[in-house]
Amino acid sequence: MTIEETIKRINELAHKAKTEGLTPGEVEEREKLRNIYRQSVIGNLRAQLDNTSVREADGTVRRLRPGRS
């Protein structure tokens, strides 16, 4: 399942929760999907930060994550 499909299903379950309620199985599915989405966001943010550099006033460039070059 792609992230787009995961988001779509989360939204479907959110709509159903507001209109008619969720079964216990759907509540469990929603939590699993939310965790998948959270992990995706966290992974993407980490990857972005790992590849981010800062140019100092003296012109030197350093990575944001210590110990990585």
PDB file of N, CA and C in Angstrom:
ATOM      1  N   MET A   1       0.849  -1.171   0.000  1.00  0.00           N
ATOM      2  CA  MET A   1       0.000   0.000   0.000  1.00  0.00           C
ATOM      3  C   MET A   1       0.897   1.237   0.000  1.00  0.00           C
ATOM      4  N   THR A   2       0.637   2.151  -0.922  1.00  0.00           N
ATOM      5  CA  THR A   2       1.420   3.380  -0.991  1.00  0.00           C
ATOM      6  C   THR A   2       0.962   4.342   0.104  1.00  0.00           C
ATOM      7  N   ILE A   3       1.751   5.374   0.325  1.00  0.00           N
ATOM      8  CA  ILE A   3       1.382   6.382   1.323  1.00  0.00           C
ATOM      9  C   ILE A   3       0.092   7.074   0.906  1.00  0.00           C
ATOM     10  N   GLU A   4      -0.071   7.327  -0.389  1.00  0.00           N
ATOM     11  CA  GLU A   4      -1.305   7.962  -0.864  1.00  0.00           C
ATOM     12  C   GLU A   4      -2.522   7.100  -0.544  1.00  0.00           C
ATOM     13  N   GLU A   5      -2.392   5.796  -0.760  1.00  0.00           N
ATOM     14  CA  GLU A   5      -3.485   4.871  -0.443  1.00  0.00           C
ATOM     15  C   GLU A   5      -3.736   4.810   1.065  1.00  0.00           C
ATOM     16  N   THR A   6      -2.656   4.859   1.835  1.00  0.00           N
ATOM     17  CA  THR A   6      -2.773   4.849   3.292  1.00  0.00           C
ATOM     18  C   THR A   6      -3.534   6.079   3.773  1.00  0.00           C
ATOM     19  N   ILE A   7      -3.168   7.248   3.246  1.00  0.00           N
ATOM     20  CA  ILE A   7      -3.839   8.491   3.626  1.00  0.00           C
ATOM     21  C   ILE A   7      -5.312   8.440   3.222  1.00  0.00           C
ATOM     22  N   LYS A   8      -5.573   7.946   2.031  1.00  0.00           N
ATOM     23  CA  LYS A   8      -6.961   7.848   1.563  1.00  0.00           C
ATOM     24  C   LYS A   8      -7.780   6.969   2.507  1.00  0.00           C
ATOM     25  N   ARG A   9      -7.214   5.841   2.910  1.00  0.00           N
ATOM     26  CA  ARG A   9      -7.944   4.927   3.803  1.00  0.00           C
ATOM     27  C   ARG A   9      -8.121   5.550   5.189  1.00  0.00           C
ATOM     28  N   ILE A  10      -7.106   6.245   5.690  1.00  0.00           N
ATOM     29  CA  ILE A  10      -7.231   6.940   6.978  1.00  0.00           C
ATOM     30  C   ILE A  10      -8.378   7.943   6.905  1.00  0.00           C
ATOM     31  N   ASN A  11      -8.452   8.688   5.811  1.00  0.00           N
ATOM     32  CA  ASN A  11      -9.519   9.670   5.645  1.00  0.00           C
ATOM     33  C   ASN A  11     -10.886   9.019   5.550  1.00  0.00           C
ATOM     34  N   GLU A  12     -10.963   7.877   4.869  1.00  0.00           N
ATOM     35  CA  GLU A  12     -12.229   7.148   4.794  1.00  0.00           C
ATOM     36  C   GLU A  12     -12.688   6.722   6.185  1.00  0.00           C
ATOM     37  N   LEU A  13     -11.748   6.204   6.959  1.00  0.00           N
ATOM     38  CA  LEU A  13     -12.094   5.768   8.309  1.00  0.00           C
ATOM     39  C   LEU A  13     -12.457   6.955   9.200  1.00  0.00           C
ATOM     40  N   ALA A  14     -11.800   8.084   9.006  1.00  0.00           N
ATOM     41  CA  ALA A  14     -12.124   9.283   9.790  1.00  0.00           C
ATOM     42  C   ALA A  14     -13.535   9.746   9.479  1.00  0.00           C
ATOM     43  N   HIS A  15     -13.899   9.735   8.205  1.00  0.00           N
ATOM     44  CA  HIS A  15     -15.254  10.130   7.815  1.00  0.00           C
ATOM     45  C   HIS A  15     -16.286   9.170   8.410  1.00  0.00           C
ATOM     46  N   LYS A  16     -15.992   7.876   8.313  1.00  0.00           N
ATOM     47  CA  LYS A  16     -16.919   6.892   8.853  1.00  0.00           C
ATOM     48  C   LYS A  16     -17.048   7.031  10.370  1.00  0.00           C
ATOM     49  N   ALA A  17     -15.947   7.328  11.044  1.00  0.00           N
ATOM     50  CA  ALA A  17     -15.977   7.494  12.502  1.00  0.00           C
ATOM     51  C   ALA A  17     -16.890   8.648  12.890  1.00  0.00           C
ATOM     52  N   LYS A  18     -16.902   9.707  12.081  1.00  0.00           N
ATOM     53  CA  LYS A  18     -17.736  10.864  12.383  1.00  0.00           C
ATOM     54  C   LYS A  18     -19.210  10.624  12.056  1.00  0.00           C
ATOM     55  N   THR A  19     -19.479   9.823  11.033  1.00  0.00           N
ATOM     56  CA  THR A  19     -20.864   9.648  10.588  1.00  0.00           C
ATOM     57  C   THR A  19     -21.567   8.475  11.240  1.00  0.00           C
ATOM     58  N   GLU A  20     -20.933   7.306  11.248  1.00  0.00           N
ATOM     59  CA  GLU A  20     -21.630   6.126  11.756  1.00  0.00           C
ATOM     60  C   GLU A  20     -20.873   5.339  12.813  1.00  0.00           C
ATOM     61  N   GLY A  21     -19.623   5.683  13.039  1.00  0.00           N
ATOM     62  CA  GLY A  21     -18.827   4.966  14.024  1.00  0.00           C
ATOM     63  C   GLY A  21     -18.029   3.841  13.394  1.00  0.00           C
ATOM     64  N   LEU A  22     -17.028   3.380  14.126  1.00  0.00           N
ATOM     65  CA  LEU A  22     -16.136   2.333  13.635  1.00  0.00           C
ATOM     66  C   LEU A  22     -16.304   1.057  14.443  1.00  0.00           C
ATOM     67  N   THR A  23     -16.097  -0.055  13.773  1.00  0.00           N
ATOM     68  CA  THR A  23     -16.065  -1.340  14.470  1.00  0.00           C
ATOM     69  C   THR A  23     -14.720  -1.453  15.173  1.00  0.00           C
ATOM     70  N   PRO A  24     -14.597  -2.348  16.143  1.00  0.00           N
ATOM     71  CA  PRO A  24     -13.288  -2.535  16.791  1.00  0.00           C
ATOM     72  C   PRO A  24     -12.171  -2.878  15.798  1.00  0.00           C
ATOM     73  N   GLY A  25     -12.488  -3.639  14.773  1.00  0.00           N
ATOM     74  CA  GLY A  25     -11.495  -3.967  13.757  1.00  0.00           C
ATOM     75  C   GLY A  25     -11.052  -2.752  12.971  1.00  0.00           C
ATOM     76  N   GLU A  26     -11.995  -1.860  12.687  1.00  0.00           N
ATOM     77  CA  GLU A  26     -11.666  -0.638  11.964  1.00  0.00           C
ATOM     78  C   GLU A  26     -10.841   0.317  12.820  1.00  0.00           C
ATOM     79  N   VAL A  27     -11.123   0.355  14.120  1.00  0.00           N
ATOM     80  CA  VAL A  27     -10.328   1.184  15.029  1.00  0.00           C
ATOM     81  C   VAL A  27      -8.885   0.679  15.030  1.00  0.00           C
ATOM     82  N   GLU A  28      -8.715  -0.632  15.070  1.00  0.00           N
ATOM     83  CA  GLU A  28      -7.372  -1.223  15.045  1.00  0.00           C
ATOM     84  C   GLU A  28      -6.675  -0.927  13.715  1.00  0.00           C
ATOM     85  N   GLU A  29      -7.418  -1.057  12.609  1.00  0.00           N
ATOM     86  CA  GLU A  29      -6.860  -0.756  11.289  1.00  0.00           C
ATOM     87  C   GLU A  29      -6.429   0.706  11.216  1.00  0.00           C
ATOM     88  N   ARG A  30      -7.251   1.607  11.732  1.00  0.00           N
ATOM     89  CA  ARG A  30      -6.943   3.037  11.712  1.00  0.00           C
ATOM     90  C   ARG A  30      -5.643   3.323  12.465  1.00  0.00           C
ATOM     91  N   GLU A  31      -5.472   2.699  13.636  1.00  0.00           N
ATOM     92  CA  GLU A  31      -4.243   2.906  14.413  1.00  0.00           C
ATOM     93  C   GLU A  31      -3.022   2.384  13.677  1.00  0.00           C
ATOM     94  N   LYS A  32      -3.132   1.222  13.040  1.00  0.00           N
ATOM     95  CA  LYS A  32      -2.013   0.678  12.272  1.00  0.00           C
ATOM     96  C   LYS A  32      -1.648   1.596  11.119  1.00  0.00           C
ATOM     97  N   LEU A  33      -2.667   2.098  10.417  1.00  0.00           N
ATOM     98  CA  LEU A  33      -2.419   2.994   9.286  1.00  0.00           C
ATOM     99  C   LEU A  33      -1.806   4.313   9.749  1.00  0.00           C
ATOM    100  N   ARG A  34      -2.283   4.823  10.867  1.00  0.00           N
ATOM    101  CA  ARG A  34      -1.713   6.066  11.405  1.00  0.00           C
ATOM    102  C   ARG A  34      -0.244   5.872  11.766  1.00  0.00           C
ATOM    103  N   ASN A  35       0.090   4.725  12.342  1.00  0.00           N
ATOM    104  CA  ASN A  35       1.485   4.446  12.698  1.00  0.00           C
ATOM    105  C   ASN A  35       2.364   4.343  11.452  1.00  0.00           C
ATOM    106  N   ILE A  36       1.828   3.710  10.405  1.00  0.00           N
ATOM    107  CA  ILE A  36       2.568   3.629   9.140  1.00  0.00           C
ATOM    108  C   ILE A  36       2.825   5.027   8.606  1.00  0.00           C
ATOM    109  N   TYR A  37       1.813   5.873   8.636  1.00  0.00           N
ATOM    110  CA  TYR A  37       1.955   7.247   8.148  1.00  0.00           C
ATOM    111  C   TYR A  37       2.966   8.027   8.988  1.00  0.00           C
ATOM    112  N   ARG A  38       2.866   7.916  10.307  1.00  0.00           N
ATOM    113  CA  ARG A  38       3.807   8.616  11.189  1.00  0.00           C
ATOM    114  C   ARG A  38       5.243   8.204  10.898  1.00  0.00           C
ATOM    115  N   GLN A  39       5.471   6.899  10.764  1.00  0.00           N
ATOM    116  CA  GLN A  39       6.826   6.414  10.497  1.00  0.00           C
ATOM    117  C   GLN A  39       7.342   6.935   9.163  1.00  0.00           C
ATOM    118  N   SER A  40       6.469   7.042   8.182  1.00  0.00           N
ATOM    119  CA  SER A  40       6.847   7.587   6.881  1.00  0.00           C
ATOM    120  C   SER A  40       7.274   9.043   7.014  1.00  0.00           C
ATOM    121  N   VAL A  41       6.495   9.827   7.749  1.00  0.00           N
ATOM    122  CA  VAL A  41       6.822  11.247   7.942  1.00  0.00           C
ATOM    123  C   VAL A  41       8.141  11.391   8.691  1.00  0.00           C
ATOM    124  N   ILE A  42       8.313  10.622   9.740  1.00  0.00           N
ATOM    125  CA  ILE A  42       9.550  10.684  10.527  1.00  0.00           C
ATOM    126  C   ILE A  42      10.753  10.293   9.666  1.00  0.00           C
ATOM    127  N   GLY A  43      10.612   9.230   8.884  1.00  0.00           N
ATOM    128  CA  GLY A  43      11.704   8.792   8.017  1.00  0.00           C
ATOM    129  C   GLY A  43      12.068   9.834   6.976  1.00  0.00           C
ATOM    130  N   ASN A  44      11.049  10.461   6.389  1.00  0.00           N
ATOM    131  CA  ASN A  44      11.310  11.496   5.393  1.00  0.00           C
ATOM    132  C   ASN A  44      12.002  12.703   6.021  1.00  0.00           C
ATOM    133  N   LEU A  45      11.576  13.085   7.204  1.00  0.00           N
ATOM    134  CA  LEU A  45      12.196  14.224   7.887  1.00  0.00           C
ATOM    135  C   LEU A  45      13.645  13.923   8.241  1.00  0.00           C
ATOM    136  N   ARG A  46      13.897  12.714   8.742  1.00  0.00           N
ATOM    137  CA  ARG A  46      15.278  12.333   9.071  1.00  0.00           C
ATOM    138  C   ARG A  46      16.168  12.364   7.834  1.00  0.00           C
ATOM    139  N   ALA A  47      15.652  11.834   6.726  1.00  0.00           N
ATOM    140  CA  ALA A  47      16.432  11.821   5.489  1.00  0.00           C
ATOM    141  C   ALA A  47      16.723  13.241   5.029  1.00  0.00           C
ATOM    142  N   GLN A  48      15.743  14.122   5.147  1.00  0.00           N
ATOM    143  CA  GLN A  48      15.944  15.509   4.749  1.00  0.00           C
ATOM    144  C   GLN A  48      16.985  16.184   5.635  1.00  0.00           C
ATOM    145  N   LEU A  49      16.906  15.962   6.941  1.00  0.00           N
ATOM    146  CA  LEU A  49      17.869  16.571   7.850  1.00  0.00           C
ATOM    147  C   LEU A  49      19.268  15.992   7.659  1.00  0.00           C
ATOM    148  N   ASP A  50      19.339  14.704   7.354  1.00  0.00           N
ATOM    149  CA  ASP A  50      20.645  14.077   7.113  1.00  0.00           C
ATOM    150  C   ASP A  50      21.350  14.697   5.915  1.00  0.00           C
ATOM    151  N   ASN A  51      20.589  15.256   4.995  1.00  0.00           N
ATOM    152  CA  ASN A  51      21.161  15.828   3.780  1.00  0.00           C
ATOM    153  C   ASN A  51      21.147  17.356   3.796  1.00  0.00           C
ATOM    154  N   THR A  52      21.024  17.945   4.969  1.00  0.00           N
ATOM    155  CA  THR A  52      20.983  19.407   5.088  1.00  0.00           C
ATOM    156  C   THR A  52      22.303  19.918   5.635  1.00  0.00           C
ATOM    157  N   SER A  53      22.818  20.945   4.995  1.00  0.00           N
ATOM    158  CA  SER A  53      24.057  21.586   5.427  1.00  0.00           C
ATOM    159  C   SER A  53      23.783  23.050   5.710  1.00  0.00           C
ATOM    160  N   VAL A  54      24.631  23.629   6.551  1.00  0.00           N
ATOM    161  CA  VAL A  54      24.524  25.043   6.900  1.00  0.00           C
ATOM    162  C   VAL A  54      25.809  25.733   6.491  1.00  0.00           C
ATOM    163  N   ARG A  55      25.685  26.856   5.798  1.00  0.00           N
ATOM    164  CA  ARG A  55      26.862  27.642   5.442  1.00  0.00           C
ATOM    165  C   ARG A  55      27.043  28.689   6.531  1.00  0.00           C
ATOM    166  N   GLU A  56      28.193  28.618   7.190  1.00  0.00           N
ATOM    167  CA  GLU A  56      28.510  29.537   8.271  1.00  0.00           C
ATOM    168  C   GLU A  56      28.906  30.900   7.708  1.00  0.00           C
ATOM    169  N   ALA A  57      28.966  31.899   8.574  1.00  0.00           N
ATOM    170  CA  ALA A  57      29.326  33.259   8.161  1.00  0.00           C
ATOM    171  C   ALA A  57      30.721  33.318   7.543  1.00  0.00           C
ATOM    172  N   ASP A  58      31.619  32.433   8.002  1.00  0.00           N
ATOM    173  CA  ASP A  58      32.986  32.432   7.460  1.00  0.00           C
ATOM    174  C   ASP A  58      33.100  31.657   6.147  1.00  0.00           C
ATOM    175  N   GLY A  59      31.989  31.122   5.656  1.00  0.00           N
ATOM    176  CA  GLY A  59      31.980  30.423   4.376  1.00  0.00           C
ATOM    177  C   GLY A  59      32.096  28.920   4.481  1.00  0.00           C
ATOM    178  N   THR A  60      32.406  28.399   5.662  1.00  0.00           N
ATOM    179  CA  THR A  60      32.504  26.951   5.810  1.00  0.00           C
ATOM    180  C   THR A  60      31.104  26.342   5.796  1.00  0.00           C
ATOM    181  N   VAL A  61      31.054  25.090   5.379  1.00  0.00           N
ATOM    182  CA  VAL A  61      29.788  24.359   5.309  1.00  0.00           C
ATOM    183  C   VAL A  61      29.859  23.213   6.304  1.00  0.00           C
ATOM    184  N   ARG A  62      28.819  23.074   7.102  1.00  0.00           N
ATOM    185  CA  ARG A  62      28.787  21.953   8.055  1.00  0.00           C
ATOM    186  C   ARG A  62      27.435  21.265   7.988  1.00  0.00           C
ATOM    187  N   ARG A  63      27.460  19.993   8.276  1.00  0.00           N
ATOM    188  CA  ARG A  63      26.231  19.209   8.306  1.00  0.00           C
ATOM    189  C   ARG A  63      25.478  19.487   9.593  1.00  0.00           C
ATOM    190  N   LEU A  64      24.165  19.370   9.550  1.00  0.00           N
ATOM    191  CA  LEU A  64      23.370  19.588  10.751  1.00  0.00           C
ATOM    192  C   LEU A  64      23.539  18.454  11.752  1.00  0.00           C
ATOM    193  N   ARG A  65      23.713  17.240  11.250  1.00  0.00           N
ATOM    194  CA  ARG A  65      23.843  16.091  12.131  1.00  0.00           C
ATOM    195  C   ARG A  65      25.305  15.913  12.512  1.00  0.00           C
ATOM    196  N   PRO A  66      25.617  15.992  13.811  1.00  0.00           N
ATOM    197  CA  PRO A  66      27.004  15.827  14.225  1.00  0.00           C
ATOM    198  C   PRO A  66      27.521  14.418  13.900  1.00  0.00           C
ATOM    199  N   GLY A  67      28.792  14.365  13.539  1.00  0.00           N
ATOM    200  CA  GLY A  67      29.417  13.065  13.266  1.00  0.00           C
ATOM    201  C   GLY A  67      29.203  12.581  11.853  1.00  0.00           C
ATOM    202  N   ARG A  68      28.517  13.328  11.052  1.00  0.00           N
ATOM    203  CA  ARG A  68      28.298  12.935   9.657  1.00  0.00           C
ATOM    204  C   ARG A  68      28.881  13.995   8.750  1.00  0.00           C
ATOM    205  N   SER A  69      29.510  13.551   7.702  1.00  0.00           N
ATOM    206  CA  SER A  69      30.084  14.538   6.770  1.00  0.00           C
ATOM    207  C   SER A  69      29.535  14.369   5.380  1.00  0.00           C
TER     208      SER A  69
END
